[in-house]
Amino acid sequence: MPVLRGVDEKGNFYRYGKRGEKYYYVTGNTASRTEAKQKADKQGEAIHASKNGVGEKPFDPLDNVEKIKEEKPKRKSPIKKTKVVKKKAVKK
């Protein structure tokens, strides 16, 4: 899809395709218009990269499962060890 230029009630804008985010620019300002077009173009590149599997990996909650298991402290045994004290024989 190409970068499209359009106009709505807020003003002039560029966007990637028909559903991309609108990047508004000031009418008659070449620098503003160029910046808006570059942002729309960058959005298009990001969309293509995500479709082709290039770039940042999508979030997967199961990726960190093993790391969490390793970091978990070991639980103490529920059985308490008691110290046995021997009584001395008392002479009468």
PDB file of N, CA and C in Angstrom:
ATOM      1  N   MET A   1       0.841  -1.191   0.000  1.00  0.00           N
ATOM      2  CA  MET A   1       0.000   0.000   0.000  1.00  0.00           C
ATOM      3  C   MET A   1       0.880   1.247   0.000  1.00  0.00           C
ATOM      4  N   PRO A   2       0.435   2.258  -0.645  1.00  0.00           N
ATOM      5  CA  PRO A   2       1.214   3.499  -0.682  1.00  0.00           C
ATOM      6  C   PRO A   2       0.862   4.439   0.472  1.00  0.00           C
ATOM      7  N   VAL A   3       1.700   5.452   0.612  1.00  0.00           N
ATOM      8  CA  VAL A   3       1.405   6.528   1.555  1.00  0.00           C
ATOM      9  C   VAL A   3       0.402   7.439   0.862  1.00  0.00           C
ATOM     10  N   LEU A   4      -0.738   7.661   1.513  1.00  0.00           N
ATOM     11  CA  LEU A   4      -1.805   8.457   0.910  1.00  0.00           C
ATOM     12  C   LEU A   4      -1.916   9.819   1.595  1.00  0.00           C
ATOM     13  N   ARG A   5      -2.311  10.815   0.823  1.00  0.00           N
ATOM     14  CA  ARG A   5      -2.534  12.159   1.358  1.00  0.00           C
ATOM     15  C   ARG A   5      -4.030  12.389   1.398  1.00  0.00           C
ATOM     16  N   GLY A   6      -4.497  13.043   2.450  1.00  0.00           N
ATOM     17  CA  GLY A   6      -5.929  13.283   2.576  1.00  0.00           C
ATOM     18  C   GLY A   6      -6.234  14.541   3.362  1.00  0.00           C
ATOM     19  N   VAL A   7      -7.545  14.843   3.414  1.00  0.00           N
ATOM     20  CA  VAL A   7      -8.030  16.017   4.147  1.00  0.00           C
ATOM     21  C   VAL A   7      -9.275  15.591   4.911  1.00  0.00           C
ATOM     22  N   ASP A   8      -9.374  16.016   6.158  1.00  0.00           N
ATOM     23  CA  ASP A   8     -10.602  15.813   6.927  1.00  0.00           C
ATOM     24  C   ASP A   8     -10.900  17.087   7.707  1.00  0.00           C
ATOM     25  N   GLU A   9     -11.815  17.016   8.662  1.00  0.00           N
ATOM     26  CA  GLU A   9     -12.206  18.216   9.410  1.00  0.00           C
ATOM     27  C   GLU A   9     -11.070  18.805  10.234  1.00  0.00           C
ATOM     28  N   LYS A  10     -10.062  18.013  10.585  1.00  0.00           N
ATOM     29  CA  LYS A  10      -8.930  18.527  11.363  1.00  0.00           C
ATOM     30  C   LYS A  10      -7.864  19.173  10.488  1.00  0.00           C
ATOM     31  N   GLY A  11      -7.796  18.794   9.219  1.00  0.00           N
ATOM     32  CA  GLY A  11      -6.802  19.381   8.321  1.00  0.00           C
ATOM     33  C   GLY A  11      -6.206  18.358   7.366  1.00  0.00           C
ATOM     34  N   ASN A  12      -5.070  18.721   6.780  1.00  0.00           N
ATOM     35  CA  ASN A  12      -4.376  17.851   5.828  1.00  0.00           C
ATOM     36  C   ASN A  12      -3.529  16.820   6.565  1.00  0.00           C
ATOM     37  N   PHE A  13      -3.417  15.632   5.968  1.00  0.00           N
ATOM     38  CA  PHE A  13      -2.653  14.570   6.618  1.00  0.00           C
ATOM     39  C   PHE A  13      -2.082  13.605   5.589  1.00  0.00           C
ATOM     40  N   TYR A  14      -1.112  12.810   6.054  1.00  0.00           N
ATOM     41  CA  TYR A  14      -0.599  11.658   5.319  1.00  0.00           C
ATOM     42  C   TYR A  14      -0.864  10.447   6.191  1.00  0.00           C
ATOM     43  N   ARG A  15      -1.067   9.292   5.547  1.00  0.00           N
ATOM     44  CA  ARG A  15      -1.185   8.042   6.291  1.00  0.00           C
ATOM     45  C   ARG A  15      -0.831   6.886   5.373  1.00  0.00           C
ATOM     46  N   TYR A  16      -0.458   5.774   5.985  1.00  0.00           N
ATOM     47  CA  TYR A  16      -0.103   4.595   5.217  1.00  0.00           C
ATOM     48  C   TYR A  16      -1.377   3.795   4.958  1.00  0.00           C
ATOM     49  N   GLY A  17      -1.736   3.633   3.711  1.00  0.00           N
ATOM     50  CA  GLY A  17      -2.924   2.881   3.337  1.00  0.00           C
ATOM     51  C   GLY A  17      -4.200   3.603   3.742  1.00  0.00           C
ATOM     52  N   LYS A  18      -5.280   2.831   3.834  1.00  0.00           N
ATOM     53  CA  LYS A  18      -6.587   3.419   4.155  1.00  0.00           C
ATOM     54  C   LYS A  18      -6.889   3.438   5.642  1.00  0.00           C
ATOM     55  N   ARG A  19      -6.134   2.650   6.434  1.00  0.00           N
ATOM     56  CA  ARG A  19      -6.445   2.545   7.864  1.00  0.00           C
ATOM     57  C   ARG A  19      -5.327   2.995   8.780  1.00  0.00           C
ATOM     58  N   GLY A  20      -4.217   3.438   8.240  1.00  0.00           N
ATOM     59  CA  GLY A  20      -3.088   3.845   9.065  1.00  0.00           C
ATOM     60  C   GLY A  20      -3.391   5.082   9.895  1.00  0.00           C
ATOM     61  N   GLU A  21      -2.527   5.347  10.846  1.00  0.00           N
ATOM     62  CA  GLU A  21      -2.676   6.534  11.679  1.00  0.00           C
ATOM     63  C   GLU A  21      -2.459   7.776  10.831  1.00  0.00           C
ATOM     64  N   LYS A  22      -3.202   8.815  11.107  1.00  0.00           N
ATOM     65  CA  LYS A  22      -3.098  10.060  10.337  1.00  0.00           C
ATOM     66  C   LYS A  22      -2.035  10.965  10.951  1.00  0.00           C
ATOM     67  N   TYR A  23      -1.129  11.435  10.103  1.00  0.00           N
ATOM     68  CA  TYR A  23      -0.086  12.366  10.527  1.00  0.00           C
ATOM     69  C   TYR A  23      -0.377  13.709   9.879  1.00  0.00           C
ATOM     70  N   TYR A  24      -0.834  14.656  10.686  1.00  0.00           N
ATOM     71  CA  TYR A  24      -1.262  15.962  10.179  1.00  0.00           C
ATOM     72  C   TYR A  24      -0.072  16.878   9.941  1.00  0.00           C
ATOM     73  N   TYR A  25      -0.240  17.792   9.000  1.00  0.00           N
ATOM     74  CA  TYR A  25       0.782  18.790   8.710  1.00  0.00           C
ATOM     75  C   TYR A  25       0.109  20.130   8.472  1.00  0.00           C
ATOM     76  N   VAL A  26       0.914  21.198   8.606  1.00  0.00           N
ATOM     77  CA  VAL A  26       0.418  22.558   8.415  1.00  0.00           C
ATOM     78  C   VAL A  26       0.417  22.851   6.921  1.00  0.00           C
ATOM     79  N   THR A  27      -0.708  23.292   6.403  1.00  0.00           N
ATOM     80  CA  THR A  27      -0.822  23.594   4.979  1.00  0.00           C
ATOM     81  C   THR A  27       0.139  24.713   4.604  1.00  0.00           C
ATOM     82  N   GLY A  28       0.909  24.484   3.535  1.00  0.00           N
ATOM     83  CA  GLY A  28       1.855  25.491   3.056  1.00  0.00           C
ATOM     84  C   GLY A  28       3.231  25.400   3.696  1.00  0.00           C
ATOM     85  N   ASN A  29       3.397  24.564   4.697  1.00  0.00           N
ATOM     86  CA  ASN A  29       4.682  24.405   5.388  1.00  0.00           C
ATOM     87  C   ASN A  29       5.359  23.133   4.874  1.00  0.00           C
ATOM     88  N   THR A  30       6.389  23.304   4.062  1.00  0.00           N
ATOM     89  CA  THR A  30       7.064  22.175   3.437  1.00  0.00           C
ATOM     90  C   THR A  30       7.718  21.250   4.459  1.00  0.00           C
ATOM     91  N   ALA A  31       8.335  21.808   5.472  1.00  0.00           N
ATOM     92  CA  ALA A  31       9.001  20.994   6.491  1.00  0.00           C
ATOM     93  C   ALA A  31       7.988  20.138   7.250  1.00  0.00           C
ATOM     94  N   SER A  32       6.861  20.714   7.610  1.00  0.00           N
ATOM     95  CA  SER A  32       5.815  19.990   8.333  1.00  0.00           C
ATOM     96  C   SER A  32       5.251  18.863   7.462  1.00  0.00           C
ATOM     97  N   ARG A  33       5.044  19.157   6.196  1.00  0.00           N
ATOM     98  CA  ARG A  33       4.500  18.171   5.259  1.00  0.00           C
ATOM     99  C   ARG A  33       5.483  17.006   5.067  1.00  0.00           C
ATOM    100  N   THR A  34       6.754  17.318   4.925  1.00  0.00           N
ATOM    101  CA  THR A  34       7.784  16.289   4.747  1.00  0.00           C
ATOM    102  C   THR A  34       7.867  15.391   5.975  1.00  0.00           C
ATOM    103  N   GLU A  35       7.797  15.997   7.151  1.00  0.00           N
ATOM    104  CA  GLU A  35       7.866  15.236   8.400  1.00  0.00           C
ATOM    105  C   GLU A  35       6.679  14.283   8.518  1.00  0.00           C
ATOM    106  N   ALA A  36       5.485  14.751   8.187  1.00  0.00           N
ATOM    107  CA  ALA A  36       4.288  13.912   8.253  1.00  0.00           C
ATOM    108  C   ALA A  36       4.393  12.741   7.272  1.00  0.00           C
ATOM    109  N   LYS A  37       4.911  13.015   6.087  1.00  0.00           N
ATOM    110  CA  LYS A  37       5.056  11.966   5.078  1.00  0.00           C
ATOM    111  C   LYS A  37       6.085  10.927   5.529  1.00  0.00           C
ATOM    112  N   GLN A  38       7.171  11.369   6.132  1.00  0.00           N
ATOM    113  CA  GLN A  38       8.196  10.446   6.613  1.00  0.00           C
ATOM    114  C   GLN A  38       7.654   9.543   7.727  1.00  0.00           C
ATOM    115  N   LYS A  39       6.830  10.107   8.604  1.00  0.00           N
ATOM    116  CA  LYS A  39       6.238   9.319   9.687  1.00  0.00           C
ATOM    117  C   LYS A  39       5.308   8.246   9.128  1.00  0.00           C
ATOM    118  N   ALA A  40       4.502   8.618   8.118  1.00  0.00           N
ATOM    119  CA  ALA A  40       3.597   7.652   7.497  1.00  0.00           C
ATOM    120  C   ALA A  40       4.391   6.568   6.778  1.00  0.00           C
ATOM    121  N   ASP A  41       5.478   6.948   6.138  1.00  0.00           N
ATOM    122  CA  ASP A  41       6.327   5.994   5.443  1.00  0.00           C
ATOM    123  C   ASP A  41       6.981   5.026   6.439  1.00  0.00           C
ATOM    124  N   LYS A  42       7.411   5.556   7.559  1.00  0.00           N
ATOM    125  CA  LYS A  42       8.027   4.730   8.603  1.00  0.00           C
ATOM    126  C   LYS A  42       7.012   3.732   9.161  1.00  0.00           C
ATOM    127  N   GLN A  43       5.764   4.158   9.294  1.00  0.00           N
ATOM    128  CA  GLN A  43       4.716   3.262   9.769  1.00  0.00           C
ATOM    129  C   GLN A  43       4.524   2.114   8.776  1.00  0.00           C
ATOM    130  N   GLY A  44       4.573   2.425   7.481  1.00  0.00           N
ATOM    131  CA  GLY A  44       4.453   1.392   6.459  1.00  0.00           C
ATOM    132  C   GLY A  44       5.576   0.379   6.534  1.00  0.00           C
ATOM    133  N   GLU A  45       6.788   0.846   6.765  1.00  0.00           N
ATOM    134  CA  GLU A  45       7.937  -0.050   6.907  1.00  0.00           C
ATOM    135  C   GLU A  45       7.760  -0.974   8.109  1.00  0.00           C
ATOM    136  N   ALA A  46       7.245  -0.428   9.195  1.00  0.00           N
ATOM    137  CA  ALA A  46       7.029  -1.223  10.402  1.00  0.00           C
ATOM    138  C   ALA A  46       5.966  -2.300  10.163  1.00  0.00           C
ATOM    139  N   ILE A  47       4.933  -1.948   9.427  1.00  0.00           N
ATOM    140  CA  ILE A  47       3.874  -2.921   9.126  1.00  0.00           C
ATOM    141  C   ILE A  47       4.432  -4.055   8.280  1.00  0.00           C
ATOM    142  N   HIS A  48       5.218  -3.716   7.267  1.00  0.00           N
ATOM    143  CA  HIS A  48       5.809  -4.746   6.414  1.00  0.00           C
ATOM    144  C   HIS A  48       6.778  -5.628   7.199  1.00  0.00           C
ATOM    145  N   ALA A  49       7.545  -5.029   8.091  1.00  0.00           N
ATOM    146  CA  ALA A  49       8.501  -5.796   8.890  1.00  0.00           C
ATOM    147  C   ALA A  49       7.774  -6.781   9.798  1.00  0.00           C
ATOM    148  N   SER A  50       6.663  -6.361  10.388  1.00  0.00           N
ATOM    149  CA  SER A  50       5.927  -7.249  11.283  1.00  0.00           C
ATOM    150  C   SER A  50       5.264  -8.383  10.510  1.00  0.00           C
ATOM    151  N   LYS A  51       4.846  -8.133   9.272  1.00  0.00           N
ATOM    152  CA  LYS A  51       4.232  -9.187   8.460  1.00  0.00           C
ATOM    153  C   LYS A  51       5.262 -10.196   7.985  1.00  0.00           C
ATOM    154  N   ASN A  52       6.491  -9.750   7.750  1.00  0.00           N
ATOM    155  CA  ASN A  52       7.534 -10.624   7.237  1.00  0.00           C
ATOM    156  C   ASN A  52       8.334 -11.305   8.342  1.00  0.00           C
ATOM    157  N   GLY A  53       7.987 -11.065   9.587  1.00  0.00           N
ATOM    158  CA  GLY A  53       8.695 -11.689  10.695  1.00  0.00           C
ATOM    159  C   GLY A  53      10.047 -11.063  10.977  1.00  0.00           C
ATOM    160  N   VAL A  54      10.254  -9.842  10.513  1.00  0.00           N
ATOM    161  CA  VAL A  54      11.508  -9.138  10.739  1.00  0.00           C
ATOM    162  C   VAL A  54      11.295  -8.163  11.878  1.00  0.00           C
ATOM    163  N   GLY A  55      12.315  -7.953  12.662  1.00  0.00           N
ATOM    164  CA  GLY A  55      12.205  -6.955  13.729  1.00  0.00           C
ATOM    165  C   GLY A  55      11.945  -7.604  15.067  1.00  0.00           C
ATOM    166  N   GLU A  56      11.298  -6.875  15.934  1.00  0.00           N
ATOM    167  CA  GLU A  56      11.095  -7.329  17.301  1.00  0.00           C
ATOM    168  C   GLU A  56      10.112  -8.492  17.361  1.00  0.00           C
ATOM    169  N   LYS A  57      10.445  -9.458  18.180  1.00  0.00           N
ATOM    170  CA  LYS A  57       9.609 -10.637  18.347  1.00  0.00           C
ATOM    171  C   LYS A  57       8.356 -10.261  19.140  1.00  0.00           C
ATOM    172  N   PRO A  58       7.178 -10.760  18.744  1.00  0.00           N
ATOM    173  CA  PRO A  58       5.971 -10.446  19.500  1.00  0.00           C
ATOM    174  C   PRO A  58       6.031 -11.030  20.906  1.00  0.00           C
ATOM    175  N   PHE A  59       5.311 -10.438  21.819  1.00  0.00           N
ATOM    176  CA  PHE A  59       5.312 -10.851  23.218  1.00  0.00           C
ATOM    177  C   PHE A  59       4.677 -12.232  23.362  1.00  0.00           C
ATOM    178  N   ASP A  60       5.361 -13.114  24.056  1.00  0.00           N
ATOM    179  CA  ASP A  60       4.849 -14.440  24.360  1.00  0.00           C
ATOM    180  C   ASP A  60       5.002 -14.650  25.862  1.00  0.00           C
ATOM    181  N   PRO A  61       3.896 -14.748  26.599  1.00  0.00           N
ATOM    182  CA  PRO A  61       4.001 -14.867  28.054  1.00  0.00           C
ATOM    183  C   PRO A  61       4.702 -16.143  28.518  1.00  0.00           C
ATOM    184  N   LEU A  62       4.773 -17.160  27.669  1.00  0.00           N
ATOM    185  CA  LEU A  62       5.406 -18.414  28.077  1.00  0.00           C
ATOM    186  C   LEU A  62       6.919 -18.387  27.915  1.00  0.00           C
ATOM    187  N   ASP A  63       7.474 -17.340  27.307  1.00  0.00           N
ATOM    188  CA  ASP A  63       8.920 -17.243  27.140  1.00  0.00           C
ATOM    189  C   ASP A  63       9.653 -17.191  28.475  1.00  0.00           C
ATOM    190  N   ASN A  64       9.050 -16.580  29.465  1.00  0.00           N
ATOM    191  CA  ASN A  64       9.730 -16.359  30.743  1.00  0.00           C
ATOM    192  C   ASN A  64       9.416 -17.413  31.792  1.00  0.00           C
ATOM    193  N   VAL A  65       8.697 -18.466  31.430  1.00  0.00           N
ATOM    194  CA  VAL A  65       8.277 -19.447  32.415  1.00  0.00           C
ATOM    195  C   VAL A  65       9.470 -20.106  33.094  1.00  0.00           C
ATOM    196  N   GLU A  66      10.454 -20.543  32.335  1.00  0.00           N
ATOM    197  CA  GLU A  66      11.596 -21.212  32.942  1.00  0.00           C
ATOM    198  C   GLU A  66      12.428 -20.268  33.781  1.00  0.00           C
ATOM    199  N   LYS A  67      12.549 -19.023  33.369  1.00  0.00           N
ATOM    200  CA  LYS A  67      13.290 -18.043  34.149  1.00  0.00           C
ATOM    201  C   LYS A  67      12.635 -17.830  35.500  1.00  0.00           C
ATOM    202  N   ILE A  68      11.314 -17.786  35.514  1.00  0.00           N
ATOM    203  CA  ILE A  68      10.583 -17.580  36.759  1.00  0.00           C
ATOM    204  C   ILE A  68      10.785 -18.784  37.678  1.00  0.00           C
ATOM    205  N   LYS A  69      10.761 -19.994  37.097  1.00  0.00           N
ATOM    206  CA  LYS A  69      10.963 -21.190  37.915  1.00  0.00           C
ATOM    207  C   LYS A  69      12.341 -21.189  38.552  1.00  0.00           C
ATOM    208  N   GLU A  70      13.357 -20.756  37.827  1.00  0.00           N
ATOM    209  CA  GLU A  70      14.712 -20.723  38.364  1.00  0.00           C
ATOM    210  C   GLU A  70      14.849 -19.709  39.491  1.00  0.00           C
ATOM    211  N   GLU A  71      14.191 -18.587  39.377  1.00  0.00           N
ATOM    212  CA  GLU A  71      14.316 -17.522  40.358  1.00  0.00           C
ATOM    213  C   GLU A  71      13.529 -17.798  41.636  1.00  0.00           C
ATOM    214  N   LYS A  72      12.594 -18.735  41.580  1.00  0.00           N
ATOM    215  CA  LYS A  72      11.755 -19.021  42.732  1.00  0.00           C
ATOM    216  C   LYS A  72      12.596 -19.635  43.851  1.00  0.00           C
ATOM    217  N   PRO A  73      12.524 -19.107  45.071  1.00  0.00           N
ATOM    218  CA  PRO A  73      13.306 -19.681  46.164  1.00  0.00           C
ATOM    219  C   PRO A  73      12.747 -21.051  46.563  1.00  0.00           C
ATOM    220  N   LYS A  74      13.654 -21.912  47.052  1.00  0.00           N
ATOM    221  CA  LYS A  74      13.216 -23.236  47.465  1.00  0.00           C
ATOM    222  C   LYS A  74      12.436 -23.126  48.766  1.00  0.00           C
ATOM    223  N   ARG A  75      11.382 -23.920  48.843  1.00  0.00           N
ATOM    224  CA  ARG A  75      10.571 -23.915  50.061  1.00  0.00           C
ATOM    225  C   ARG A  75      11.241 -24.776  51.113  1.00  0.00           C
ATOM    226  N   LYS A  76      11.094 -24.368  52.343  1.00  0.00           N
ATOM    227  CA  LYS A  76      11.653 -25.140  53.443  1.00  0.00           C
ATOM    228  C   LYS A  76      10.756 -26.341  53.717  1.00  0.00           C
ATOM    229  N   SER A  77      11.357 -27.369  54.254  1.00  0.00           N
ATOM    230  CA  SER A  77      10.630 -28.587  54.562  1.00  0.00           C
ATOM    231  C   SER A  77       9.586 -28.298  55.641  1.00  0.00           C
ATOM    232  N   PRO A  78       8.399 -28.861  55.511  1.00  0.00           N
ATOM    233  CA  PRO A  78       7.368 -28.611  56.533  1.00  0.00           C
ATOM    234  C   PRO A  78       7.656 -29.330  57.850  1.00  0.00           C
ATOM    235  N   ILE A  79       8.549 -30.318  57.821  1.00  0.00           N
ATOM    236  CA  ILE A  79       8.881 -31.048  59.053  1.00  0.00           C
ATOM    237  C   ILE A  79       9.968 -30.283  59.797  1.00  0.00           C
ATOM    238  N   LYS A  80       9.667 -29.967  61.048  1.00  0.00           N
ATOM    239  CA  LYS A  80      10.637 -29.226  61.846  1.00  0.00           C
ATOM    240  C   LYS A  80      11.546 -30.214  62.561  1.00  0.00           C
ATOM    241  N   LYS A  81      12.807 -29.914  62.523  1.00  0.00           N
ATOM    242  CA  LYS A  81      13.770 -30.754  63.227  1.00  0.00           C
ATOM    243  C   LYS A  81      13.880 -30.248  64.662  1.00  0.00           C
ATOM    244  N   THR A  82      13.783 -31.181  65.589  1.00  0.00           N
ATOM    245  CA  THR A  82      13.896 -30.798  66.998  1.00  0.00           C
ATOM    246  C   THR A  82      15.164 -31.394  67.582  1.00  0.00           C
ATOM    247  N   LYS A  83      15.687 -30.723  68.537  1.00  0.00           N
ATOM    248  CA  LYS A  83      16.917 -31.166  69.174  1.00  0.00           C
ATOM    249  C   LYS A  83      16.552 -32.062  70.352  1.00  0.00           C
ATOM    250  N   VAL A  84      17.174 -33.238  70.389  1.00  0.00           N
ATOM    251  CA  VAL A  84      16.899 -34.185  71.471  1.00  0.00           C
ATOM    252  C   VAL A  84      17.927 -33.968  72.571  1.00  0.00           C
ATOM    253  N   VAL A  85      17.440 -33.774  73.785  1.00  0.00           N
ATOM    254  CA  VAL A  85      18.313 -33.556  74.929  1.00  0.00           C
ATOM    255  C   VAL A  85      18.211 -34.768  75.835  1.00  0.00           C
ATOM    256  N   LYS A  86      19.360 -35.380  76.132  1.00  0.00           N
ATOM    257  CA  LYS A  86      19.379 -36.542  77.014  1.00  0.00           C
ATOM    258  C   LYS A  86      19.439 -36.063  78.452  1.00  0.00           C
ATOM    259  N   LYS A  87      18.678 -36.701  79.287  1.00  0.00           N
ATOM    260  CA  LYS A  87      18.679 -36.359  80.702  1.00  0.00           C
ATOM    261  C   LYS A  87      19.783 -37.135  81.397  1.00  0.00           C
ATOM    262  N   LYS A  88      20.481 -36.443  82.291  1.00  0.00           N
ATOM    263  CA  LYS A  88      21.533 -37.101  83.060  1.00  0.00           C
ATOM    264  C   LYS A  88      20.902 -37.877  84.209  1.00  0.00           C
ATOM    265  N   ALA A  89      21.518 -38.991  84.461  1.00  0.00           N
ATOM    266  CA  ALA A  89      21.036 -39.809  85.574  1.00  0.00           C
ATOM    267  C   ALA A  89      21.397 -39.108  86.893  1.00  0.00           C
ATOM    268  N   VAL A  90      20.450 -39.017  87.748  1.00  0.00           N
ATOM    269  CA  VAL A  90      20.655 -38.344  89.014  1.00  0.00           C
ATOM    270  C   VAL A  90      20.824 -39.405  90.114  1.00  0.00           C
ATOM    271  N   LYS A  91      21.919 -39.320  90.907  1.00  0.00           N
ATOM    272  CA  LYS A  91      22.174 -40.260  92.001  1.00  0.00           C
ATOM    273  C   LYS A  91      21.468 -39.769  93.233  1.00  0.00           C
ATOM    274  N   LYS A  92      20.884 -40.684  93.930  1.00  0.00           N
ATOM    275  CA  LYS A  92      20.172 -40.317  95.166  1.00  0.00           C
ATOM    276  C   LYS A  92      20.905 -40.763  96.373  1.00  0.00           C
TER     277      LYS A  92
END
